[in-house]
Amino acid sequence: VDYIKKMTKDGVFVGMTSQCLFGRVNMNV
């Protein structure tokens, strides 16, 4: 988390996909 926070603050885009392939990501659960 902290490393990603530093990356995005520096303007690096970070996107999340799933290894499961089928279905969709839901990062609110």
PDB file of all heavy atoms in Angstrom:
ATOM      1  N   VAL A   1       0.814  -1.222   0.000  1.00  0.00           N
ATOM      2  CA  VAL A   1       0.000   0.000   0.000  1.00  0.00           C
ATOM      3  C   VAL A   1       0.843   1.266   0.000  1.00  0.00           C
ATOM      4  O   VAL A   1       0.654   2.173  -0.822  1.00  0.00           O
ATOM      5  CB  VAL A   1      -0.997  -0.015   1.181  1.00  0.00           C
ATOM      6  CG1 VAL A   1      -1.665   1.357   1.320  1.00  0.00           C
ATOM      7  CG2 VAL A   1      -2.047  -1.096   0.984  1.00  0.00           C
ATOM      8  N   ASP A   2       1.785   1.374   0.926  1.00  0.00           N
ATOM      9  CA  ASP A   2       2.583   2.604   1.026  1.00  0.00           C
ATOM     10  C   ASP A   2       3.430   2.828  -0.219  1.00  0.00           C
ATOM     11  O   ASP A   2       3.622   3.973  -0.657  1.00  0.00           O
ATOM     12  CB  ASP A   2       3.470   2.562   2.274  1.00  0.00           C
ATOM     13  CG  ASP A   2       2.669   2.708   3.562  1.00  0.00           C
ATOM     14  OD1 ASP A   2       1.525   3.210   3.487  1.00  0.00           O
ATOM     15  OD2 ASP A   2       3.177   2.297   4.632  1.00  0.00           O
ATOM     16  N   TYR A   3       3.963   1.761  -0.783  1.00  0.00           N
ATOM     17  CA  TYR A   3       4.775   1.878  -1.999  1.00  0.00           C
ATOM     18  C   TYR A   3       3.921   2.371  -3.172  1.00  0.00           C
ATOM     19  O   TYR A   3       4.353   3.211  -3.967  1.00  0.00           O
ATOM     20  CB  TYR A   3       5.408   0.532  -2.351  1.00  0.00           C
ATOM     21  CG  TYR A   3       6.503   0.091  -1.415  1.00  0.00           C
ATOM     22  CD1 TYR A   3       6.209  -0.509  -0.194  1.00  0.00           C
ATOM     23  CD2 TYR A   3       7.845   0.269  -1.750  1.00  0.00           C
ATOM     24  CE1 TYR A   3       7.217  -0.922   0.673  1.00  0.00           C
ATOM     25  CE2 TYR A   3       8.863  -0.141  -0.900  1.00  0.00           C
ATOM     26  CZ  TYR A   3       8.534  -0.735   0.313  1.00  0.00           C
ATOM     27  OH  TYR A   3       9.543  -1.131   1.168  1.00  0.00           O
ATOM     28  N   ILE A   4       2.702   1.806  -3.276  1.00  0.00           N
ATOM     29  CA  ILE A   4       1.806   2.223  -4.356  1.00  0.00           C
ATOM     30  C   ILE A   4       1.406   3.682  -4.185  1.00  0.00           C
ATOM     31  O   ILE A   4       1.329   4.449  -5.159  1.00  0.00           O
ATOM     32  CB  ILE A   4       0.569   1.305  -4.395  1.00  0.00           C
ATOM     33  CG1 ILE A   4       0.973  -0.103  -4.853  1.00  0.00           C
ATOM     34  CG2 ILE A   4      -0.514   1.875  -5.305  1.00  0.00           C
ATOM     35  CD1 ILE A   4      -0.119  -1.137  -4.752  1.00  0.00           C
ATOM     36  N   LYS A   5       1.172   4.079  -2.930  1.00  0.00           N
ATOM     37  CA  LYS A   5       0.798   5.462  -2.653  1.00  0.00           C
ATOM     38  C   LYS A   5       1.890   6.415  -3.149  1.00  0.00           C
ATOM     39  O   LYS A   5       1.600   7.474  -3.733  1.00  0.00           O
ATOM     40  CB  LYS A   5       0.565   5.642  -1.158  1.00  0.00           C
ATOM     41  CG  LYS A   5      -0.080   6.965  -0.764  1.00  0.00           C
ATOM     42  CD  LYS A   5      -0.324   7.021   0.747  1.00  0.00           C
ATOM     43  CE  LYS A   5      -1.319   5.958   1.179  1.00  0.00           C
ATOM     44  NZ  LYS A   5      -1.626   6.057   2.645  1.00  0.00           N
ATOM     45  N   LYS A   6       3.145   6.042  -2.938  1.00  0.00           N
ATOM     46  CA  LYS A   6       4.264   6.859  -3.405  1.00  0.00           C
ATOM     47  C   LYS A   6       4.301   6.910  -4.929  1.00  0.00           C
ATOM     48  O   LYS A   6       4.543   7.972  -5.521  1.00  0.00           O
ATOM     49  CB  LYS A   6       5.572   6.299  -2.860  1.00  0.00           C
ATOM     50  CG  LYS A   6       6.798   7.121  -3.234  1.00  0.00           C
ATOM     51  CD  LYS A   6       8.069   6.519  -2.640  1.00  0.00           C
ATOM     52  CE  LYS A   6       9.298   7.332  -3.037  1.00  0.00           C
ATOM     53  NZ  LYS A   6      10.552   6.733  -2.532  1.00  0.00           N
ATOM     54  N   MET A   7       4.057   5.764  -5.568  1.00  0.00           N
ATOM     55  CA  MET A   7       4.082   5.708  -7.034  1.00  0.00           C
ATOM     56  C   MET A   7       3.012   6.611  -7.637  1.00  0.00           C
ATOM     57  O   MET A   7       3.277   7.406  -8.546  1.00  0.00           O
ATOM     58  CB  MET A   7       3.846   4.273  -7.525  1.00  0.00           C
ATOM     59  CG  MET A   7       4.963   3.301  -7.247  1.00  0.00           C
ATOM     60  SD  MET A   7       4.684   1.695  -8.056  1.00  0.00           S
ATOM     61  CE  MET A   7       5.331   2.037  -9.687  1.00  0.00           C
ATOM     62  N   THR A   8       1.784   6.469  -7.163  1.00  0.00           N
ATOM     63  CA  THR A   8       0.694   7.247  -7.743  1.00  0.00           C
ATOM     64  C   THR A   8       0.864   8.733  -7.465  1.00  0.00           C
ATOM     65  O   THR A   8       0.494   9.578  -8.284  1.00  0.00           O
ATOM     66  CB  THR A   8      -0.658   6.743  -7.215  1.00  0.00           C
ATOM     67  OG1 THR A   8      -0.667   6.797  -5.784  1.00  0.00           O
ATOM     68  CG2 THR A   8      -0.913   5.310  -7.659  1.00  0.00           C
ATOM     69  N   LYS A   9       1.432   9.059  -6.313  1.00  0.00           N
ATOM     70  CA  LYS A   9       1.696  10.469  -5.992  1.00  0.00           C
ATOM     71  C   LYS A   9       2.705  11.063  -6.961  1.00  0.00           C
ATOM     72  O   LYS A   9       2.649  12.247  -7.304  1.00  0.00           O
ATOM     73  CB  LYS A   9       2.209  10.589  -4.555  1.00  0.00           C
ATOM     74  CG  LYS A   9       2.367  12.029  -4.077  1.00  0.00           C
ATOM     75  CD  LYS A   9       2.818  12.087  -2.622  1.00  0.00           C
ATOM     76  CE  LYS A   9       2.973  13.531  -2.161  1.00  0.00           C
ATOM     77  NZ  LYS A   9       3.414  13.614  -0.732  1.00  0.00           N
ATOM     78  N   ASP A  10       3.631  10.210  -7.433  1.00  0.00           N
ATOM     79  CA  ASP A  10       4.644  10.656  -8.391  1.00  0.00           C
ATOM     80  C   ASP A  10       4.152  10.603  -9.831  1.00  0.00           C
ATOM     81  O   ASP A  10       4.931  10.793 -10.766  1.00  0.00           O
ATOM     82  CB  ASP A  10       5.909   9.808  -8.251  1.00  0.00           C
ATOM     83  CG  ASP A  10       6.683  10.126  -6.979  1.00  0.00           C
ATOM     84  OD1 ASP A  10       6.338  11.133  -6.320  1.00  0.00           O
ATOM     85  OD2 ASP A  10       7.605   9.364  -6.638  1.00  0.00           O
ATOM     86  N   GLY A  11       2.855  10.314 -10.010  1.00  0.00           N
ATOM     87  CA  GLY A  11       2.274  10.355 -11.352  1.00  0.00           C
ATOM     88  C   GLY A  11       2.291   9.047 -12.110  1.00  0.00           C
ATOM     89  O   GLY A  11       2.038   9.020 -13.329  1.00  0.00           O
ATOM     90  N   VAL A  12       2.580   7.934 -11.438  1.00  0.00           N
ATOM     91  CA  VAL A  12       2.581   6.624 -12.087  1.00  0.00           C
ATOM     92  C   VAL A  12       1.172   6.029 -12.003  1.00  0.00           C
ATOM     93  O   VAL A  12       0.581   5.961 -10.913  1.00  0.00           O
ATOM     94  CB  VAL A  12       3.596   5.663 -11.430  1.00  0.00           C
ATOM     95  CG1 VAL A  12       3.548   4.291 -12.101  1.00  0.00           C
ATOM     96  CG2 VAL A  12       5.003   6.247 -11.513  1.00  0.00           C
ATOM     97  N   PHE A  13       0.636   5.613 -13.124  1.00  0.00           N
ATOM     98  CA  PHE A  13      -0.675   4.962 -13.123  1.00  0.00           C
ATOM     99  C   PHE A  13      -0.518   3.526 -12.638  1.00  0.00           C
ATOM    100  O   PHE A  13       0.359   2.792 -13.099  1.00  0.00           O
ATOM    101  CB  PHE A  13      -1.290   4.966 -14.518  1.00  0.00           C
ATOM    102  CG  PHE A  13      -2.599   4.212 -14.605  1.00  0.00           C
ATOM    103  CD1 PHE A  13      -3.792   4.841 -14.308  1.00  0.00           C
ATOM    104  CD2 PHE A  13      -2.618   2.865 -14.941  1.00  0.00           C
ATOM    105  CE1 PHE A  13      -5.001   4.164 -14.365  1.00  0.00           C
ATOM    106  CE2 PHE A  13      -3.814   2.166 -15.009  1.00  0.00           C
ATOM    107  CZ  PHE A  13      -5.008   2.820 -14.715  1.00  0.00           C
ATOM    108  N   VAL A  14      -1.404   3.086 -11.723  1.00  0.00           N
ATOM    109  CA  VAL A  14      -1.402   1.703 -11.247  1.00  0.00           C
ATOM    110  C   VAL A  14      -2.819   1.155 -11.401  1.00  0.00           C
ATOM    111  O   VAL A  14      -3.771   1.672 -10.806  1.00  0.00           O
ATOM    112  CB  VAL A  14      -0.963   1.590  -9.769  1.00  0.00           C
ATOM    113  CG1 VAL A  14      -0.967   0.123  -9.334  1.00  0.00           C
ATOM    114  CG2 VAL A  14       0.421   2.198  -9.576  1.00  0.00           C
ATOM    115  N   GLY A  15      -2.962   0.129 -12.239  1.00  0.00           N
ATOM    116  CA  GLY A  15      -4.262  -0.485 -12.490  1.00  0.00           C
ATOM    117  C   GLY A  15      -4.289  -1.912 -11.984  1.00  0.00           C
ATOM    118  O   GLY A  15      -3.264  -2.592 -11.934  1.00  0.00           O
ATOM    119  N   MET A  16      -5.487  -2.395 -11.606  1.00  0.00           N
ATOM    120  CA  MET A  16      -5.632  -3.737 -11.051  1.00  0.00           C
ATOM    121  C   MET A  16      -6.485  -4.622 -11.964  1.00  0.00           C
ATOM    122  O   MET A  16      -7.575  -4.245 -12.387  1.00  0.00           O
ATOM    123  CB  MET A  16      -6.296  -3.674  -9.673  1.00  0.00           C
ATOM    124  CG  MET A  16      -6.523  -5.039  -9.015  1.00  0.00           C
ATOM    125  SD  MET A  16      -4.979  -5.884  -8.576  1.00  0.00           S
ATOM    126  CE  MET A  16      -4.509  -4.951  -7.100  1.00  0.00           C
ATOM    127  N   THR A  17      -5.938  -5.802 -12.276  1.00  0.00           N
ATOM    128  CA  THR A  17      -6.681  -6.857 -12.957  1.00  0.00           C
ATOM    129  C   THR A  17      -6.617  -8.109 -12.084  1.00  0.00           C
ATOM    130  O   THR A  17      -5.980  -8.112 -11.038  1.00  0.00           O
ATOM    131  CB  THR A  17      -6.089  -7.150 -14.343  1.00  0.00           C
ATOM    132  OG1 THR A  17      -4.733  -7.607 -14.184  1.00  0.00           O
ATOM    133  CG2 THR A  17      -6.087  -5.901 -15.221  1.00  0.00           C
ATOM    134  N   SER A  18      -7.268  -9.183 -12.532  1.00  0.00           N
ATOM    135  CA  SER A  18      -7.302 -10.396 -11.724  1.00  0.00           C
ATOM    136  C   SER A  18      -6.650 -11.580 -12.424  1.00  0.00           C
ATOM    137  O   SER A  18      -6.824 -11.766 -13.633  1.00  0.00           O
ATOM    138  CB  SER A  18      -8.744 -10.775 -11.379  1.00  0.00           C
ATOM    139  OG  SER A  18      -8.784 -12.001 -10.667  1.00  0.00           O
ATOM    140  N   GLN A  19      -5.946 -12.384 -11.643  1.00  0.00           N
ATOM    141  CA  GLN A  19      -5.379 -13.622 -12.158  1.00  0.00           C
ATOM    142  C   GLN A  19      -6.456 -14.639 -12.509  1.00  0.00           C
ATOM    143  O   GLN A  19      -6.205 -15.593 -13.243  1.00  0.00           O
ATOM    144  CB  GLN A  19      -4.436 -14.228 -11.116  1.00  0.00           C
ATOM    145  CG  GLN A  19      -3.250 -13.364 -10.758  1.00  0.00           C
ATOM    146  CD  GLN A  19      -2.453 -13.902  -9.593  1.00  0.00           C
ATOM    147  OE1 GLN A  19      -2.601 -15.061  -9.223  1.00  0.00           O
ATOM    148  NE2 GLN A  19      -1.619 -13.062  -8.993  1.00  0.00           N
ATOM    149  N   CYS A  20      -7.655 -14.453 -11.959  1.00  0.00           N
ATOM    150  CA  CYS A  20      -8.730 -15.422 -12.202  1.00  0.00           C
ATOM    151  C   CYS A  20      -9.182 -15.424 -13.654  1.00  0.00           C
ATOM    152  O   CYS A  20      -9.732 -16.418 -14.125  1.00  0.00           O
ATOM    153  CB  CYS A  20      -9.936 -15.109 -11.310  1.00  0.00           C
ATOM    154  SG  CYS A  20      -9.618 -15.315  -9.549  1.00  0.00           S
ATOM    155  N   LEU A  21      -8.983 -14.309 -14.348  1.00  0.00           N
ATOM    156  CA  LEU A  21      -9.377 -14.113 -15.742  1.00  0.00           C
ATOM    157  C   LEU A  21     -10.889 -13.986 -15.883  1.00  0.00           C
ATOM    158  O   LEU A  21     -11.396 -12.983 -16.357  1.00  0.00           O
ATOM    159  CB  LEU A  21      -8.850 -15.225 -16.651  1.00  0.00           C
ATOM    160  CG  LEU A  21      -7.335 -15.429 -16.648  1.00  0.00           C
ATOM    161  CD1 LEU A  21      -6.939 -16.506 -17.639  1.00  0.00           C
ATOM    162  CD2 LEU A  21      -6.602 -14.145 -16.950  1.00  0.00           C
ATOM    163  N   PHE A  22     -11.648 -15.016 -15.510  1.00  0.00           N
ATOM    164  CA  PHE A  22     -13.098 -14.921 -15.593  1.00  0.00           C
ATOM    165  C   PHE A  22     -13.628 -14.125 -14.405  1.00  0.00           C
ATOM    166  O   PHE A  22     -13.128 -14.247 -13.285  1.00  0.00           O
ATOM    167  CB  PHE A  22     -13.733 -16.311 -15.625  1.00  0.00           C
ATOM    168  CG  PHE A  22     -13.536 -17.011 -16.938  1.00  0.00           C
ATOM    169  CD1 PHE A  22     -12.492 -17.899 -17.111  1.00  0.00           C
ATOM    170  CD2 PHE A  22     -14.391 -16.774 -18.011  1.00  0.00           C
ATOM    171  CE1 PHE A  22     -12.293 -18.541 -18.314  1.00  0.00           C
ATOM    172  CE2 PHE A  22     -14.195 -17.409 -19.231  1.00  0.00           C
ATOM    173  CZ  PHE A  22     -13.153 -18.293 -19.386  1.00  0.00           C
ATOM    174  N   GLY A  23     -14.661 -13.319 -14.651  1.00  0.00           N
ATOM    175  CA  GLY A  23     -15.186 -12.443 -13.626  1.00  0.00           C
ATOM    176  C   GLY A  23     -14.543 -11.075 -13.719  1.00  0.00           C
ATOM    177  O   GLY A  23     -13.823 -10.757 -14.663  1.00  0.00           O
ATOM    178  N   ARG A  24     -14.794 -10.219 -12.717  1.00  0.00           N
ATOM    179  CA  ARG A  24     -14.273  -8.867 -12.731  1.00  0.00           C
ATOM    180  C   ARG A  24     -13.717  -8.519 -11.362  1.00  0.00           C
ATOM    181  O   ARG A  24     -14.088  -9.141 -10.360  1.00  0.00           O
ATOM    182  CB  ARG A  24     -15.345  -7.869 -13.145  1.00  0.00           C
ATOM    183  CG  ARG A  24     -16.488  -7.764 -12.172  1.00  0.00           C
ATOM    184  CD  ARG A  24     -17.715  -7.029 -12.712  1.00  0.00           C
ATOM    185  NE  ARG A  24     -17.434  -5.905 -13.560  1.00  0.00           N
ATOM    186  CZ  ARG A  24     -17.761  -5.873 -14.881  1.00  0.00           C
ATOM    187  NH1 ARG A  24     -18.364  -6.909 -15.443  1.00  0.00           N
ATOM    188  NH2 ARG A  24     -17.484  -4.818 -15.604  1.00  0.00           N
ATOM    189  N   VAL A  25     -12.844  -7.546 -11.322  1.00  0.00           N
ATOM    190  CA  VAL A  25     -12.309  -7.112 -10.035  1.00  0.00           C
ATOM    191  C   VAL A  25     -13.386  -6.307  -9.298  1.00  0.00           C
ATOM    192  O   VAL A  25     -14.194  -5.608  -9.904  1.00  0.00           O
ATOM    193  CB  VAL A  25     -11.024  -6.274 -10.195  1.00  0.00           C
ATOM    194  CG1 VAL A  25      -9.918  -7.090 -10.822  1.00  0.00           C
ATOM    195  CG2 VAL A  25     -11.257  -5.020 -11.008  1.00  0.00           C
ATOM    196  N   ASN A  26     -13.377  -6.428  -7.971  1.00  0.00           N
ATOM    197  CA  ASN A  26     -14.258  -5.639  -7.110  1.00  0.00           C
ATOM    198  C   ASN A  26     -13.484  -5.343  -5.838  1.00  0.00           C
ATOM    199  O   ASN A  26     -13.372  -6.191  -4.950  1.00  0.00           O
ATOM    200  CB  ASN A  26     -15.551  -6.393  -6.796  1.00  0.00           C
ATOM    201  CG  ASN A  26     -16.544  -5.545  -6.022  1.00  0.00           C
ATOM    202  OD1 ASN A  26     -16.176  -4.517  -5.442  1.00  0.00           O
ATOM    203  ND2 ASN A  26     -17.798  -5.965  -5.997  1.00  0.00           N
ATOM    204  N   MET A  27     -12.945  -4.149  -5.761  1.00  0.00           N
ATOM    205  CA  MET A  27     -12.048  -3.804  -4.666  1.00  0.00           C
ATOM    206  C   MET A  27     -12.779  -3.101  -3.521  1.00  0.00           C
ATOM    207  O   MET A  27     -12.158  -2.459  -2.679  1.00  0.00           O
ATOM    208  CB  MET A  27     -10.899  -2.943  -5.207  1.00  0.00           C
ATOM    209  CG  MET A  27     -10.083  -3.657  -6.287  1.00  0.00           C
ATOM    210  SD  MET A  27      -8.764  -2.658  -7.003  1.00  0.00           S
ATOM    211  CE  MET A  27      -7.665  -2.517  -5.602  1.00  0.00           C
ATOM    212  N   ASN A  28     -14.097  -3.262  -3.497  1.00  0.00           N
ATOM    213  CA  ASN A  28     -14.894  -2.691  -2.420  1.00  0.00           C
ATOM    214  C   ASN A  28     -15.353  -3.731  -1.398  1.00  0.00           C
ATOM    215  O   ASN A  28     -15.968  -3.379  -0.388  1.00  0.00           O
ATOM    216  CB  ASN A  28     -16.127  -1.983  -2.991  1.00  0.00           C
ATOM    217  CG  ASN A  28     -15.750  -0.822  -3.888  1.00  0.00           C
ATOM    218  OD1 ASN A  28     -14.883  -0.025  -3.534  1.00  0.00           O
ATOM    219  ND2 ASN A  28     -16.383  -0.732  -5.044  1.00  0.00           N
ATOM    220  N   VAL A  29     -15.064  -5.002  -1.661  1.00  0.00           N
ATOM    221  CA  VAL A  29     -15.584  -6.072  -0.805  1.00  0.00           C
ATOM    222  C   VAL A  29     -14.749  -6.229   0.459  1.00  0.00           C
ATOM    223  O   VAL A  29     -15.286  -6.355   1.571  1.00  0.00           O
ATOM    224  CB  VAL A  29     -15.638  -7.402  -1.589  1.00  0.00           C
ATOM    225  CG1 VAL A  29     -16.086  -8.546  -0.676  1.00  0.00           C
ATOM    226  CG2 VAL A  29     -16.583  -7.267  -2.788  1.00  0.00           C
TER     227      VAL A  29
END
